[in-house]
Amino acid sequence: CTARQGDCCAAAAWVNESVHRSDLWIFVCSLLATLPIMIMVQTWRARNNREMLDVSFDARDGLNYMALYSSLIVNIHSAWIMARWTQVALKVYDRNAMLAAGAFLTPLADVFLFLEDAVSVQIGYAIGTGNTVAAGLTLNVGVLGGVTLGALAASLTTALLSWPAAIEALVAPGHHAVGGCSLVPSAAAIVGDASEFWLLTSWSWPFGFANMALSGFFLGTRHYGAILLATLLSKIVLFGVWMGSPQNLAGLAWANAASTVAFFIVSVLVILLYTPLHREYKLVSIWDVLVFRNGRGWRELLFEAVGDLSQLVKVLRQGMQAMLVDLSVQICVSSGIYVASSLGLPALYQVSALQAAMPLYVGCIAGVSYAMKLVSSAMIGLRMYQDYRSFVRLALLMAGAYALACGLAIA
């Protein structure tokens, strides 16, 4: 590639044209699949047969939902832009190391991905039944549990760095197939370059897992403006740090970690500074516990922050069910990556190219997923069972149609 100035590594013109056509097709189909769901989300509250919900819809509600849709758009497009950008910017062995590390780290992180799902669903159900105190307790359980579990998982992955054989197998799989090639760094050198990526990714988990609970709380309580604010600022940090870095594997890790921490800081500041949230959901912050606010002891405040054990068990039990579904999907992806690595670096890099396209294909259906979290639990809490069945059928129909559209785009 050096001799020919990269011509051998450049995609042919017809490939780029096909990619652009597929992208356009996916955008159109995702809009057609999401539009009926958006209409259902906007109108379901007016059909409830109880007086618990305010069914009026004004300009403020319109802006609130616009904030939700805008945050989805920002998340979807930033994900696929960064995926394709790193595919081009990173060296082949760095991109392969990133893919291989993600094949191990992502399933491990997915073990805790249930936090956002469990928290948002539990909060939606609590609000549907009018139990705002339970919604606040669920947030505290999610944030405290997320930080604790994230630190535990990061400690385990950090310990793996002291096991050279294991970390080389995880970060530089298939390297034996190119042994002796002077153009490819040794496995030890690749591990050295990827170690910073591994550590920063791992130790951003406590913030990332807490962010899942915070996002679930804002979704369940319909404070979509907070999600948009945190999303925008975190993505600005993401692209800012990435563009200011050498655009290597370590730079990508710093950008991702800074973005995660930025989202956490903004979300916590919203909760701390927006006092109506404290009054409505009886929130107790860690700061309250540390400074003995209002003269109460730490045991009393800590009990309020965590709530009773039944609420904790309920969140964990339902979260574990969601975790098993997420994990079963991701393990199949990770297995495919490590199988491809046994075929050599070229095969693994081809898989990384496919993975770079995945955020666009998967992300464009995120609107249906978020609608399920927002609406279904509240419908059950309001005992709108017939509407719930209709909504689930519509969501499954739109998701199936979108899956067919993705297959046509790939073909």
Protein backbone atom coordinates (compact mmCIF):
# COMPACT_ATOMS: atom_id res chain seq x y z
CA CYS A 1 0.00 0.00 0.00
CA THR A 2 2.87 2.36 0.69
CA ALA A 3 4.33 1.90 -2.78
CA ARG A 4 1.03 2.56 -4.48
CA GLN A 5 0.01 5.33 -2.07
CA GLY A 6 -2.89 3.35 -0.69
CA ASP A 7 -4.62 2.51 -3.99
CA CYS A 8 -4.73 -1.18 -3.13
CA CYS A 9 -6.59 -0.40 0.11
CA ALA A 10 -9.11 2.04 -1.38
CA ALA A 11 -12.65 0.86 -2.03
CA ALA A 12 -13.81 0.79 -5.63
CA ALA A 13 -16.27 3.42 -6.82
CA TRP A 14 -19.10 0.92 -7.17
CA VAL A 15 -18.63 -0.12 -3.53
CA ASN A 16 -19.09 3.45 -2.27
CA GLU A 17 -22.14 3.92 -4.49
CA SER A 18 -23.69 0.71 -3.15
CA VAL A 19 -23.02 1.81 0.43
CA HIS A 20 -24.67 5.19 -0.16
CA ARG A 21 -27.74 3.53 -1.70
CA SER A 22 -27.99 1.11 1.21
CA ASP A 23 -27.68 3.94 3.74
CA LEU A 24 -30.46 5.90 2.04
CA TRP A 25 -32.67 2.81 1.90
CA ILE A 26 -32.12 2.16 5.62
CA PHE A 27 -32.97 5.78 6.53
CA VAL A 28 -36.23 5.68 4.58
CA CYS A 29 -37.28 2.27 5.89
CA SER A 30 -36.45 3.15 9.49
CA LEU A 31 -38.59 6.27 9.21
CA LEU A 32 -41.50 4.28 7.80
CA ALA A 33 -41.13 1.69 10.57
CA THR A 34 -40.82 4.25 13.37
CA LEU A 35 -43.57 6.67 12.30
CA PRO A 36 -46.51 4.46 13.40
CA ILE A 37 -44.77 3.87 16.73
CA MET A 38 -44.29 7.61 17.20
CA ILE A 39 -48.01 8.17 16.57
CA MET A 40 -48.86 5.50 19.13
CA VAL A 41 -46.51 7.06 21.70
CA GLN A 42 -48.07 10.48 21.16
CA THR A 43 -51.69 9.31 21.49
CA TRP A 44 -51.80 6.43 23.98
CA ARG A 45 -52.13 8.64 27.06
CA ALA A 46 -55.39 10.10 25.77
CA ARG A 47 -56.95 6.61 25.77
CA ASN A 48 -56.35 5.76 29.41
CA ASN A 49 -59.51 5.22 31.44
CA ARG A 50 -58.12 6.54 34.71
CA GLU A 51 -57.60 10.06 35.95
CA MET A 52 -54.04 9.45 37.05
CA LEU A 53 -52.42 10.90 33.96
CA ASP A 54 -52.70 14.40 32.57
CA VAL A 55 -53.85 13.69 29.01
CA SER A 56 -53.55 17.26 27.76
CA PHE A 57 -50.96 17.89 25.07
CA ASP A 58 -49.54 21.36 24.55
CA ALA A 59 -46.51 23.00 22.98
CA ARG A 60 -44.37 22.10 25.99
CA ASP A 61 -45.18 18.41 25.53
CA GLY A 62 -44.34 18.74 21.86
CA LEU A 63 -40.93 20.19 22.67
CA ASN A 64 -40.38 17.46 25.23
CA TYR A 65 -40.98 14.70 22.69
CA MET A 66 -38.91 16.59 20.15
CA ALA A 67 -36.04 16.46 22.65
CA LEU A 68 -36.45 12.67 22.88
CA TYR A 69 -36.44 12.18 19.11
CA SER A 70 -33.49 14.56 18.75
CA SER A 71 -31.44 12.64 21.31
CA LEU A 72 -32.17 9.41 19.44
CA ILE A 73 -31.03 10.97 16.17
CA VAL A 74 -27.83 12.30 17.75
CA ASN A 75 -27.02 8.91 19.30
CA ILE A 76 -27.70 6.97 16.10
CA HIS A 77 -25.70 9.19 13.79
CA SER A 78 -22.78 9.75 16.16
CA ALA A 79 -22.44 5.98 16.59
CA TRP A 80 -22.16 5.12 12.91
CA ILE A 81 -20.02 8.18 12.11
CA MET A 82 -17.49 7.22 14.78
CA ALA A 83 -17.54 3.55 13.71
CA ARG A 84 -16.74 4.36 10.10
CA TRP A 85 -14.28 7.07 11.06
CA THR A 86 -12.27 4.71 13.24
CA GLN A 87 -12.40 2.06 10.52
CA VAL A 88 -10.54 4.47 8.24
CA ALA A 89 -8.31 6.22 10.79
CA LEU A 90 -6.97 3.25 12.75
CA LYS A 91 -4.27 0.95 11.45
CA VAL A 92 -5.36 -2.55 10.47
CA TYR A 93 -3.84 -4.25 13.52
CA ASP A 94 -5.17 -1.54 15.85
CA ARG A 95 -8.67 -1.92 14.42
CA ASN A 96 -8.41 -5.68 14.78
CA ALA A 97 -7.21 -5.29 18.38
CA MET A 98 -10.12 -2.97 19.10
CA LEU A 99 -12.57 -5.46 17.59
CA ALA A 100 -11.08 -8.41 19.48
CA ALA A 101 -11.02 -6.51 22.79
CA GLY A 102 -14.61 -5.47 22.24
CA ALA A 103 -15.57 -9.09 21.58
CA PHE A 104 -14.64 -9.80 25.21
CA LEU A 105 -15.45 -6.48 26.90
CA THR A 106 -18.86 -5.98 25.27
CA PRO A 107 -20.44 -9.23 26.52
CA LEU A 108 -19.02 -8.50 29.96
CA ALA A 109 -20.58 -5.04 29.86
CA ASP A 110 -23.84 -6.51 28.56
CA VAL A 111 -24.09 -8.49 31.78
CA PHE A 112 -24.89 -5.14 33.40
CA LEU A 113 -26.81 -3.62 30.50
CA PHE A 114 -30.04 -4.61 32.21
CA LEU A 115 -29.75 -1.54 34.47
CA GLU A 116 -31.22 0.91 31.96
CA ASP A 117 -33.93 -1.50 30.84
CA ALA A 118 -34.88 -2.55 34.35
CA VAL A 119 -34.85 0.99 35.76
CA SER A 120 -36.85 2.55 32.91
CA VAL A 121 -39.44 -0.25 32.95
CA GLN A 122 -39.78 -0.22 36.74
CA ILE A 123 -40.09 3.56 36.80
CA GLY A 124 -42.67 3.53 34.00
CA TYR A 125 -44.70 0.96 35.91
CA ALA A 126 -44.37 2.89 39.18
CA ILE A 127 -45.56 6.10 37.54
CA GLY A 128 -48.41 4.24 35.87
CA THR A 129 -49.58 3.09 39.30
CA GLY A 130 -48.95 6.52 40.84
CA ASN A 131 -46.10 5.37 43.10
CA THR A 132 -43.54 8.14 42.60
CA VAL A 133 -41.58 7.16 45.71
CA ALA A 134 -40.85 3.73 44.20
CA ALA A 135 -39.60 5.48 41.06
CA GLY A 136 -37.09 7.47 43.11
CA LEU A 137 -35.97 4.39 45.02
CA THR A 138 -35.42 2.54 41.74
CA LEU A 139 -33.11 5.31 40.53
CA ASN A 140 -31.02 5.16 43.69
CA VAL A 141 -30.75 1.38 43.44
CA GLY A 142 -29.73 1.63 39.78
CA VAL A 143 -27.06 4.30 40.27
CA LEU A 144 -25.49 2.76 43.37
CA GLY A 145 -25.63 -0.70 41.85
CA GLY A 146 -24.21 0.55 38.55
CA VAL A 147 -21.19 2.19 40.16
CA THR A 148 -20.51 -0.84 42.36
CA LEU A 149 -20.89 -3.45 39.62
CA GLY A 150 -18.92 -1.31 37.17
CA ALA A 151 -15.99 -1.04 39.57
CA LEU A 152 -16.13 -4.80 40.18
CA ALA A 153 -16.14 -5.62 36.46
CA ALA A 154 -13.32 -3.13 35.79
CA SER A 155 -11.23 -4.72 38.54
CA LEU A 156 -11.62 -8.13 36.89
CA THR A 157 -10.57 -6.88 33.45
CA THR A 158 -7.65 -4.96 34.94
CA ALA A 159 -6.42 -8.14 36.61
CA LEU A 160 -6.36 -9.84 33.20
CA LEU A 161 -3.57 -7.50 32.10
CA SER A 162 -1.24 -9.29 34.49
CA TRP A 163 -1.85 -12.56 32.62
CA PRO A 164 0.13 -12.14 29.36
CA ALA A 165 -1.08 -15.30 27.64
CA ALA A 166 -4.75 -14.48 28.26
CA ILE A 167 -4.54 -10.83 27.24
CA GLU A 168 -2.66 -11.70 24.03
CA ALA A 169 -5.33 -14.25 23.14
CA LEU A 170 -8.06 -11.68 23.77
CA VAL A 171 -6.51 -8.62 22.09
CA ALA A 172 -4.32 -10.17 19.37
CA PRO A 173 -6.11 -13.36 18.29
CA GLY A 174 -4.97 -15.01 15.07
CA HIS A 175 -1.61 -13.29 15.28
CA HIS A 176 0.16 -16.62 14.83
CA ALA A 177 -1.08 -16.68 11.22
CA VAL A 178 1.24 -13.77 10.32
CA GLY A 179 4.21 -14.76 12.43
CA GLY A 180 7.49 -13.48 11.02
CA CYS A 181 5.91 -10.72 8.91
CA SER A 182 7.93 -7.54 9.47
CA LEU A 183 4.98 -5.32 8.50
CA VAL A 184 2.87 -6.46 11.45
CA PRO A 185 3.89 -5.70 15.06
CA SER A 186 4.36 -8.55 17.49
CA ALA A 187 1.52 -9.69 19.71
CA ALA A 188 3.27 -8.13 22.71
CA ALA A 189 3.52 -4.78 20.91
CA ILE A 190 -0.18 -4.87 19.98
CA VAL A 191 -1.08 -5.66 23.58
CA GLY A 192 1.07 -2.75 24.72
CA ASP A 193 -0.73 -0.37 22.36
CA ALA A 194 -4.15 -1.74 23.33
CA SER A 195 -3.58 -1.77 27.10
CA GLU A 196 -4.57 1.88 27.50
CA PHE A 197 -7.71 1.26 25.44
CA TRP A 198 -8.50 -1.78 27.60
CA LEU A 199 -8.03 0.07 30.91
CA LEU A 200 -9.89 3.25 29.94
CA THR A 201 -12.78 1.28 28.52
CA SER A 202 -13.00 -0.83 31.66
CA TRP A 203 -12.79 2.02 34.16
CA SER A 204 -15.40 4.06 32.32
CA TRP A 205 -17.89 1.33 33.19
CA PRO A 206 -18.81 2.64 36.67
CA PHE A 207 -19.89 5.89 35.02
CA GLY A 208 -21.41 4.10 32.04
CA PHE A 209 -23.48 1.70 34.14
CA ALA A 210 -24.69 4.57 36.32
CA ASN A 211 -25.60 6.42 33.11
CA MET A 212 -27.88 3.52 32.18
CA ALA A 213 -29.85 3.99 35.38
CA LEU A 214 -29.92 7.78 34.97
CA SER A 215 -31.12 7.47 31.38
CA GLY A 216 -33.77 5.00 32.46
CA PHE A 217 -34.97 7.43 35.12
CA PHE A 218 -35.22 10.36 32.70
CA LEU A 219 -37.01 8.17 30.18
CA GLY A 220 -39.44 6.77 32.72
CA THR A 221 -40.24 10.20 34.19
CA ARG A 222 -40.47 11.82 30.72
CA HIS A 223 -37.70 14.36 31.38
CA TYR A 224 -36.46 14.05 27.82
CA GLY A 225 -34.82 17.47 27.80
CA ALA A 226 -32.30 16.21 30.36
CA ILE A 227 -31.41 13.30 28.08
CA LEU A 228 -30.96 15.63 25.11
CA LEU A 229 -28.74 18.00 27.11
CA ALA A 230 -26.54 15.19 28.44
CA THR A 231 -26.39 13.53 25.01
CA LEU A 232 -25.41 16.69 23.14
CA LEU A 233 -22.68 17.66 25.58
CA SER A 234 -21.28 14.12 25.74
CA LYS A 235 -21.11 13.86 21.94
CA ILE A 236 -19.42 17.26 21.70
CA VAL A 237 -16.82 15.98 24.16
CA LEU A 238 -16.52 12.71 22.20
CA PHE A 239 -15.77 14.34 18.85
CA GLY A 240 -13.72 17.13 20.40
CA VAL A 241 -11.36 14.78 22.23
CA TRP A 242 -11.14 12.45 19.23
CA MET A 243 -10.27 15.21 16.78
CA GLY A 244 -7.73 16.66 19.21
CA SER A 245 -6.04 13.30 19.73
CA PRO A 246 -3.55 11.48 17.47
CA GLN A 247 -6.59 9.43 16.32
CA ASN A 248 -5.12 6.14 17.44
CA LEU A 249 -6.47 3.46 19.75
CA ALA A 250 -5.54 5.37 22.91
CA GLY A 251 -7.13 8.55 21.55
CA LEU A 252 -10.35 6.67 20.87
CA ALA A 253 -10.36 5.29 24.40
CA TRP A 254 -9.88 8.75 25.92
CA ALA A 255 -12.66 10.16 23.73
CA ASN A 256 -15.11 7.43 24.74
CA ALA A 257 -14.23 7.68 28.42
CA ALA A 258 -14.50 11.49 28.44
CA SER A 259 -17.88 11.28 26.72
CA THR A 260 -19.16 8.78 29.29
CA VAL A 261 -18.00 10.90 32.23
CA ALA A 262 -19.51 14.04 30.65
CA PHE A 263 -22.92 12.35 30.36
CA PHE A 264 -22.72 11.28 34.00
CA ILE A 265 -21.75 14.75 35.25
CA VAL A 266 -24.50 16.50 33.31
CA SER A 267 -27.15 14.01 34.46
CA VAL A 268 -26.14 14.27 38.10
CA LEU A 269 -26.11 18.07 37.92
CA VAL A 270 -29.63 18.05 36.48
CA ILE A 271 -30.86 15.90 39.36
CA LEU A 272 -29.03 17.97 41.98
CA LEU A 273 -30.09 21.37 40.64
CA TYR A 274 -33.65 20.63 39.48
CA THR A 275 -35.45 20.66 42.83
CA PRO A 276 -38.91 19.53 41.54
CA LEU A 277 -37.36 16.11 40.94
CA HIS A 278 -36.41 15.86 44.63
CA ARG A 279 -39.87 16.81 45.81
CA GLU A 280 -41.82 14.56 43.46
CA TYR A 281 -39.68 11.44 43.65
CA LYS A 282 -38.21 11.79 47.17
CA LEU A 283 -34.66 11.50 45.86
CA VAL A 284 -31.79 11.21 48.34
CA SER A 285 -28.33 11.99 47.03
CA ILE A 286 -25.03 10.59 48.25
CA TRP A 287 -24.19 14.15 49.32
CA ASP A 288 -27.14 14.02 51.70
CA VAL A 289 -25.74 10.86 53.23
CA LEU A 290 -22.21 12.24 53.62
CA VAL A 291 -23.09 15.58 55.23
CA PHE A 292 -25.98 14.32 57.42
CA ARG A 293 -28.32 16.84 55.85
CA ASN A 294 -31.29 17.99 57.93
CA GLY A 295 -29.75 16.47 61.04
CA ARG A 296 -30.61 12.88 60.10
CA GLY A 297 -28.16 10.03 60.61
CA TRP A 298 -26.49 8.16 57.78
CA ARG A 299 -28.41 4.94 58.45
CA GLU A 300 -31.74 6.65 57.94
CA LEU A 301 -30.60 8.43 54.80
CA LEU A 302 -28.97 5.32 53.38
CA PHE A 303 -32.16 3.35 53.93
CA GLU A 304 -34.09 6.01 52.03
CA ALA A 305 -31.52 5.94 49.22
CA VAL A 306 -31.64 2.18 48.73
CA GLY A 307 -35.20 1.44 49.76
CA ASP A 308 -36.56 -1.89 50.95
CA LEU A 309 -35.12 -5.17 49.78
CA SER A 310 -38.24 -6.11 47.84
CA GLN A 311 -37.72 -3.20 45.45
CA LEU A 312 -34.06 -4.16 44.98
CA VAL A 313 -34.91 -7.81 44.35
CA LYS A 314 -37.60 -6.86 41.84
CA VAL A 315 -35.22 -4.67 39.82
CA LEU A 316 -32.48 -7.29 39.86
CA ARG A 317 -34.74 -10.20 38.96
CA GLN A 318 -36.34 -8.53 35.98
CA GLY A 319 -33.00 -7.04 34.96
CA MET A 320 -31.38 -10.48 34.93
CA GLN A 321 -34.02 -11.68 32.47
CA ALA A 322 -33.20 -8.82 30.11
CA MET A 323 -29.49 -9.47 30.62
CA LEU A 324 -29.80 -13.07 29.42
CA VAL A 325 -31.40 -11.92 26.17
CA ASP A 326 -28.71 -9.30 25.52
CA LEU A 327 -25.93 -11.70 26.43
CA SER A 328 -27.17 -14.50 24.19
CA VAL A 329 -27.10 -12.15 21.20
CA GLN A 330 -23.68 -10.67 21.94
CA ILE A 331 -22.01 -14.03 22.62
CA CYS A 332 -22.89 -15.12 19.09
CA VAL A 333 -21.20 -11.99 17.71
CA SER A 334 -18.12 -12.45 19.88
CA SER A 335 -17.82 -16.11 18.90
CA GLY A 336 -17.90 -15.14 15.24
CA ILE A 337 -15.13 -12.59 15.77
CA TYR A 338 -12.80 -15.08 17.44
CA VAL A 339 -13.57 -17.72 14.80
CA ALA A 340 -12.71 -15.18 12.09
CA SER A 341 -9.44 -14.39 13.88
CA SER A 342 -8.37 -18.01 13.44
CA LEU A 343 -8.45 -17.40 9.67
CA GLY A 344 -5.91 -14.58 9.95
CA LEU A 345 -5.76 -10.80 10.12
CA PRO A 346 -7.39 -10.14 6.69
CA ALA A 347 -10.52 -12.09 7.64
CA LEU A 348 -10.72 -10.34 11.00
CA TYR A 349 -10.38 -6.94 9.34
CA GLN A 350 -13.21 -7.79 6.95
CA VAL A 351 -15.38 -8.57 9.96
CA SER A 352 -14.40 -5.20 11.47
CA ALA A 353 -15.64 -3.50 8.30
CA LEU A 354 -19.00 -5.20 8.74
CA GLN A 355 -19.08 -4.18 12.40
CA ALA A 356 -18.43 -0.57 11.40
CA ALA A 357 -21.68 -0.61 9.41
CA MET A 358 -23.74 -2.20 12.18
CA PRO A 359 -24.46 0.96 14.25
CA LEU A 360 -26.42 2.42 11.35
CA TYR A 361 -28.45 -0.71 10.66
CA VAL A 362 -29.19 -1.48 14.31
CA GLY A 363 -29.44 2.10 15.55
CA CYS A 364 -32.12 3.19 13.13
CA ILE A 365 -34.65 0.92 14.83
CA ALA A 366 -33.83 2.31 18.28
CA GLY A 367 -37.03 4.36 18.22
CA VAL A 368 -39.12 1.19 18.46
CA SER A 369 -36.99 -0.08 21.34
CA TYR A 370 -37.28 3.15 23.30
CA ALA A 371 -41.03 3.28 22.68
CA MET A 372 -41.40 -0.18 24.20
CA LYS A 373 -39.55 0.97 27.32
CA LEU A 374 -41.55 4.17 27.62
CA VAL A 375 -45.07 2.97 26.92
CA SER A 376 -45.48 -0.72 27.69
CA SER A 377 -44.71 -0.64 31.42
CA ALA A 378 -46.93 2.39 32.00
CA MET A 379 -49.76 0.72 30.07
CA ILE A 380 -49.53 -2.32 32.33
CA GLY A 381 -49.49 -0.08 35.40
CA LEU A 382 -52.68 1.59 34.14
CA ARG A 383 -54.19 -1.82 33.31
CA MET A 384 -54.60 -0.89 29.65
CA TYR A 385 -54.05 -4.49 28.63
CA GLN A 386 -55.82 -4.37 25.29
CA ASP A 387 -53.85 -1.30 24.24
CA TYR A 388 -50.67 -3.01 25.44
CA ARG A 389 -51.33 -6.05 23.25
CA SER A 390 -52.03 -3.85 20.25
CA PHE A 391 -48.88 -1.84 20.85
CA VAL A 392 -46.65 -4.91 21.15
CA ARG A 393 -48.11 -6.39 17.96
CA LEU A 394 -47.49 -3.14 16.10
CA ALA A 395 -43.91 -2.93 17.41
CA LEU A 396 -43.19 -6.54 16.39
CA LEU A 397 -44.68 -5.92 12.95
CA MET A 398 -42.59 -2.79 12.38
CA ALA A 399 -39.43 -4.47 13.67
CA GLY A 400 -39.99 -7.47 11.39
CA ALA A 401 -40.55 -5.22 8.40
CA TYR A 402 -37.37 -3.29 9.20
CA ALA A 403 -35.39 -6.54 9.51
CA LEU A 404 -36.59 -7.50 6.02
CA ALA A 405 -35.56 -4.07 4.73
CA CYS A 406 -32.07 -4.54 6.24
CA GLY A 407 -31.76 -7.87 4.47
CA LEU A 408 -32.66 -6.25 1.16
CA ALA A 409 -30.15 -3.45 1.78
CA ILE A 410 -27.35 -5.91 2.45
CA ALA A 411 -28.28 -7.95 -0.62
